[in-house]
Amino acid sequence: MGNRTVLVGSKPTMNYVLACLTLFHLGAEEVVLRARGRAINKAVDAALLVMNRFMTGVEAKKVDVGTERLTTDDGRLVEKSVITITLSRKA
């Protein structure tokens, strides 16, 4: 299957939950939630809702935490925290 990454931002958490559920129902074996900065807590909430409420056959296969260096419009270098949560169907 093609793109299975959900980029988490400023929309309501349930939008990202629905995006994950849609990808799983379309046949994806893995779905990746990715967020930066203040959206990290929303990505974690969405992953937990998918695993514990909507699809009990899904587990967090991998969680990566790191920092990205970005250049702003005015040329400054800023570092943003980033999280990548890989959800997969249980074997």
N, C-alpha and C. Protein backbone atom coordinates (compact mmCIF):
# COMPACT_ATOMS: atom_id res chain seq x y z
N MET A 1 0.84 -1.17 0.00
CA MET A 1 0.00 0.00 0.00
C MET A 1 0.89 1.24 0.00
N GLY A 2 0.38 2.34 -0.48
CA GLY A 2 1.15 3.57 -0.64
C GLY A 2 1.48 4.24 0.66
N ASN A 3 1.12 5.50 0.77
CA ASN A 3 1.48 6.31 1.93
C ASN A 3 0.64 5.90 3.14
N ARG A 4 1.31 5.49 4.19
CA ARG A 4 0.62 5.06 5.41
C ARG A 4 1.03 5.90 6.60
N THR A 5 1.44 7.13 6.35
CA THR A 5 1.88 8.04 7.41
C THR A 5 0.82 9.09 7.67
N VAL A 6 0.51 9.29 8.96
CA VAL A 6 -0.44 10.32 9.38
C VAL A 6 0.38 11.40 10.08
N LEU A 7 0.37 12.60 9.51
CA LEU A 7 1.09 13.73 10.11
C LEU A 7 0.16 14.44 11.07
N VAL A 8 0.53 14.49 12.33
CA VAL A 8 -0.32 15.07 13.38
C VAL A 8 0.03 16.54 13.54
N GLY A 9 -1.02 17.37 13.58
CA GLY A 9 -0.82 18.81 13.71
C GLY A 9 -1.84 19.44 14.64
N SER A 10 -2.55 20.45 14.16
CA SER A 10 -3.42 21.24 15.02
C SER A 10 -4.89 20.85 14.96
N LYS A 11 -5.25 19.86 14.17
CA LYS A 11 -6.65 19.44 14.08
C LYS A 11 -7.04 18.65 15.33
N PRO A 12 -8.35 18.41 15.53
CA PRO A 12 -8.77 17.62 16.70
C PRO A 12 -8.20 16.19 16.65
N THR A 13 -7.97 15.63 17.82
CA THR A 13 -7.37 14.30 17.93
C THR A 13 -8.15 13.24 17.17
N MET A 14 -9.48 13.32 17.21
CA MET A 14 -10.30 12.30 16.56
C MET A 14 -10.10 12.28 15.04
N ASN A 15 -9.69 13.38 14.44
CA ASN A 15 -9.39 13.37 13.00
C ASN A 15 -8.23 12.42 12.70
N TYR A 16 -7.24 12.41 13.57
CA TYR A 16 -6.07 11.55 13.36
C TYR A 16 -6.40 10.10 13.69
N VAL A 17 -7.27 9.89 14.68
CA VAL A 17 -7.73 8.53 14.99
C VAL A 17 -8.47 7.97 13.79
N LEU A 18 -9.37 8.76 13.21
CA LEU A 18 -10.14 8.32 12.05
C LEU A 18 -9.23 8.04 10.86
N ALA A 19 -8.20 8.85 10.67
CA ALA A 19 -7.25 8.61 9.58
C ALA A 19 -6.54 7.27 9.77
N CYS A 20 -6.14 6.95 10.99
CA CYS A 20 -5.49 5.66 11.28
C CYS A 20 -6.45 4.51 11.03
N LEU A 21 -7.67 4.63 11.54
CA LEU A 21 -8.66 3.57 11.36
C LEU A 21 -8.94 3.34 9.88
N THR A 22 -9.03 4.41 9.11
CA THR A 22 -9.28 4.29 7.68
C THR A 22 -8.15 3.53 7.00
N LEU A 23 -6.91 3.85 7.32
CA LEU A 23 -5.78 3.16 6.72
C LEU A 23 -5.78 1.68 7.09
N PHE A 24 -6.08 1.35 8.34
CA PHE A 24 -6.14 -0.06 8.74
C PHE A 24 -7.26 -0.78 8.02
N HIS A 25 -8.42 -0.16 7.89
CA HIS A 25 -9.55 -0.80 7.22
C HIS A 25 -9.33 -0.94 5.72
N LEU A 26 -8.45 -0.12 5.15
CA LEU A 26 -8.09 -0.26 3.74
C LEU A 26 -7.03 -1.34 3.52
N GLY A 27 -6.57 -1.96 4.60
CA GLY A 27 -5.66 -3.09 4.47
C GLY A 27 -4.23 -2.85 4.90
N ALA A 28 -3.92 -1.71 5.45
CA ALA A 28 -2.54 -1.44 5.89
C ALA A 28 -2.20 -2.32 7.09
N GLU A 29 -1.01 -2.90 7.07
CA GLU A 29 -0.55 -3.70 8.20
C GLU A 29 0.09 -2.81 9.26
N GLU A 30 0.65 -1.67 8.81
CA GLU A 30 1.28 -0.71 9.72
C GLU A 30 0.84 0.70 9.35
N VAL A 31 0.67 1.52 10.38
CA VAL A 31 0.37 2.94 10.20
C VAL A 31 1.35 3.72 11.07
N VAL A 32 1.90 4.79 10.51
CA VAL A 32 2.89 5.60 11.22
C VAL A 32 2.28 6.95 11.57
N LEU A 33 2.30 7.30 12.86
CA LEU A 33 1.89 8.62 13.33
C LEU A 33 3.15 9.43 13.56
N ARG A 34 3.18 10.65 13.01
CA ARG A 34 4.38 11.48 13.14
C ARG A 34 3.96 12.88 13.57
N ALA A 35 4.65 13.41 14.61
CA ALA A 35 4.31 14.74 15.13
C ALA A 35 5.56 15.45 15.59
N ARG A 36 5.46 16.80 15.58
CA ARG A 36 6.55 17.65 16.07
C ARG A 36 6.00 18.62 17.10
N GLY A 37 6.87 19.00 18.05
CA GLY A 37 6.55 20.06 19.00
C GLY A 37 5.32 19.79 19.85
N ARG A 38 4.42 20.78 19.88
CA ARG A 38 3.24 20.68 20.74
C ARG A 38 2.26 19.60 20.31
N ALA A 39 2.37 19.09 19.11
CA ALA A 39 1.45 18.07 18.62
C ALA A 39 1.83 16.67 19.10
N ILE A 40 2.95 16.53 19.81
CA ILE A 40 3.39 15.21 20.26
C ILE A 40 2.35 14.57 21.18
N ASN A 41 1.80 15.34 22.13
CA ASN A 41 0.81 14.76 23.04
C ASN A 41 -0.43 14.32 22.28
N LYS A 42 -0.78 15.01 21.22
CA LYS A 42 -1.94 14.63 20.42
C LYS A 42 -1.69 13.32 19.67
N ALA A 43 -0.47 13.11 19.20
CA ALA A 43 -0.11 11.87 18.52
C ALA A 43 -0.16 10.69 19.48
N VAL A 44 0.32 10.89 20.70
CA VAL A 44 0.27 9.83 21.71
C VAL A 44 -1.18 9.51 22.06
N ASP A 45 -2.01 10.54 22.25
CA ASP A 45 -3.43 10.33 22.54
C ASP A 45 -4.11 9.56 21.41
N ALA A 46 -3.83 9.94 20.17
CA ALA A 46 -4.45 9.27 19.03
C ALA A 46 -4.03 7.80 18.97
N ALA A 47 -2.75 7.52 19.20
CA ALA A 47 -2.27 6.14 19.18
C ALA A 47 -2.95 5.31 20.27
N LEU A 48 -3.06 5.87 21.47
CA LEU A 48 -3.69 5.13 22.57
C LEU A 48 -5.17 4.91 22.31
N LEU A 49 -5.85 5.88 21.73
CA LEU A 49 -7.27 5.69 21.40
C LEU A 49 -7.45 4.59 20.37
N VAL A 50 -6.59 4.56 19.36
CA VAL A 50 -6.68 3.51 18.34
C VAL A 50 -6.46 2.15 18.99
N MET A 51 -5.42 2.03 19.83
CA MET A 51 -5.07 0.73 20.41
C MET A 51 -6.06 0.25 21.46
N ASN A 52 -6.53 1.15 22.32
CA ASN A 52 -7.31 0.73 23.48
C ASN A 52 -8.82 0.82 23.29
N ARG A 53 -9.28 1.64 22.37
CA ARG A 53 -10.71 1.87 22.23
C ARG A 53 -11.31 1.33 20.96
N PHE A 54 -10.62 1.56 19.84
CA PHE A 54 -11.24 1.28 18.55
C PHE A 54 -10.76 -0.01 17.91
N MET A 55 -9.49 -0.35 18.03
CA MET A 55 -8.96 -1.57 17.43
C MET A 55 -8.05 -2.25 18.45
N THR A 56 -8.59 -3.18 19.19
CA THR A 56 -7.80 -3.83 20.23
C THR A 56 -6.74 -4.77 19.64
N GLY A 57 -6.81 -5.05 18.34
CA GLY A 57 -5.83 -5.91 17.69
C GLY A 57 -4.64 -5.15 17.14
N VAL A 58 -4.43 -3.94 17.63
CA VAL A 58 -3.32 -3.10 17.15
C VAL A 58 -2.39 -2.81 18.33
N GLU A 59 -1.09 -2.83 18.06
CA GLU A 59 -0.11 -2.54 19.10
C GLU A 59 0.91 -1.51 18.59
N ALA A 60 1.59 -0.87 19.52
CA ALA A 60 2.66 0.06 19.16
C ALA A 60 3.92 -0.76 18.91
N LYS A 61 4.28 -0.90 17.66
CA LYS A 61 5.43 -1.72 17.29
C LYS A 61 6.74 -1.01 17.60
N LYS A 62 6.76 0.31 17.37
CA LYS A 62 8.00 1.05 17.53
C LYS A 62 7.67 2.51 17.85
N VAL A 63 8.43 3.10 18.76
CA VAL A 63 8.29 4.52 19.08
C VAL A 63 9.68 5.15 19.02
N ASP A 64 9.82 6.13 18.14
CA ASP A 64 11.09 6.85 18.00
C ASP A 64 10.90 8.29 18.46
N VAL A 65 11.83 8.77 19.26
CA VAL A 65 11.81 10.15 19.73
C VAL A 65 13.14 10.79 19.32
N GLY A 66 13.05 12.02 18.83
CA GLY A 66 14.28 12.67 18.41
C GLY A 66 14.10 14.17 18.26
N THR A 67 15.07 14.78 17.59
CA THR A 67 15.07 16.22 17.36
C THR A 67 15.37 16.48 15.90
N GLU A 68 14.61 17.42 15.32
CA GLU A 68 14.86 17.85 13.94
C GLU A 68 15.36 19.29 13.95
N ARG A 69 16.31 19.58 13.09
CA ARG A 69 16.79 20.95 12.94
C ARG A 69 16.09 21.56 11.73
N LEU A 70 15.43 22.69 11.96
CA LEU A 70 14.69 23.37 10.91
C LEU A 70 15.21 24.79 10.76
N THR A 71 15.10 25.31 9.56
CA THR A 71 15.47 26.70 9.30
C THR A 71 14.19 27.50 9.12
N THR A 72 14.04 28.57 9.89
CA THR A 72 12.85 29.41 9.80
C THR A 72 12.94 30.32 8.57
N ASP A 73 11.86 31.03 8.30
CA ASP A 73 11.82 31.93 7.14
C ASP A 73 12.87 33.04 7.23
N ASP A 74 13.19 33.44 8.46
CA ASP A 74 14.19 34.51 8.61
C ASP A 74 15.62 33.96 8.77
N GLY A 75 15.81 32.67 8.51
CA GLY A 75 17.15 32.09 8.48
C GLY A 75 17.67 31.53 9.79
N ARG A 76 16.88 31.60 10.87
CA ARG A 76 17.33 31.06 12.15
C ARG A 76 17.22 29.53 12.14
N LEU A 77 18.11 28.90 12.87
CA LEU A 77 18.08 27.45 13.03
C LEU A 77 17.38 27.12 14.34
N VAL A 78 16.32 26.32 14.28
CA VAL A 78 15.59 25.92 15.48
C VAL A 78 15.55 24.40 15.55
N GLU A 79 15.47 23.88 16.76
CA GLU A 79 15.36 22.44 16.97
C GLU A 79 13.98 22.14 17.51
N LYS A 80 13.32 21.15 16.91
CA LYS A 80 11.98 20.74 17.33
C LYS A 80 12.03 19.27 17.72
N SER A 81 11.35 18.94 18.81
CA SER A 81 11.21 17.54 19.20
C SER A 81 10.27 16.86 18.22
N VAL A 82 10.53 15.60 17.96
CA VAL A 82 9.71 14.85 17.02
C VAL A 82 9.47 13.45 17.57
N ILE A 83 8.28 12.90 17.31
CA ILE A 83 7.96 11.53 17.71
C ILE A 83 7.37 10.81 16.50
N THR A 84 7.75 9.56 16.35
CA THR A 84 7.21 8.70 15.30
C THR A 84 6.72 7.42 15.97
N ILE A 85 5.42 7.17 15.87
CA ILE A 85 4.81 6.00 16.49
C ILE A 85 4.34 5.07 15.38
N THR A 86 4.86 3.85 15.35
CA THR A 86 4.46 2.87 14.36
C THR A 86 3.47 1.91 14.99
N LEU A 87 2.24 1.92 14.49
CA LEU A 87 1.20 1.01 14.96
C LEU A 87 1.10 -0.15 13.98
N SER A 88 0.95 -1.37 14.49
CA SER A 88 0.81 -2.52 13.61
C SER A 88 -0.22 -3.49 14.17
N ARG A 89 -0.78 -4.26 13.26
CA ARG A 89 -1.73 -5.30 13.67
C ARG A 89 -0.98 -6.38 14.44
N LYS A 90 -1.62 -6.90 15.48
CA LYS A 90 -0.99 -7.98 16.25
C LYS A 90 -0.95 -9.24 15.40
N ALA A 91 0.15 -9.97 15.52
CA ALA A 91 0.33 -11.19 14.73
C ALA A 91 -0.55 -12.31 15.22
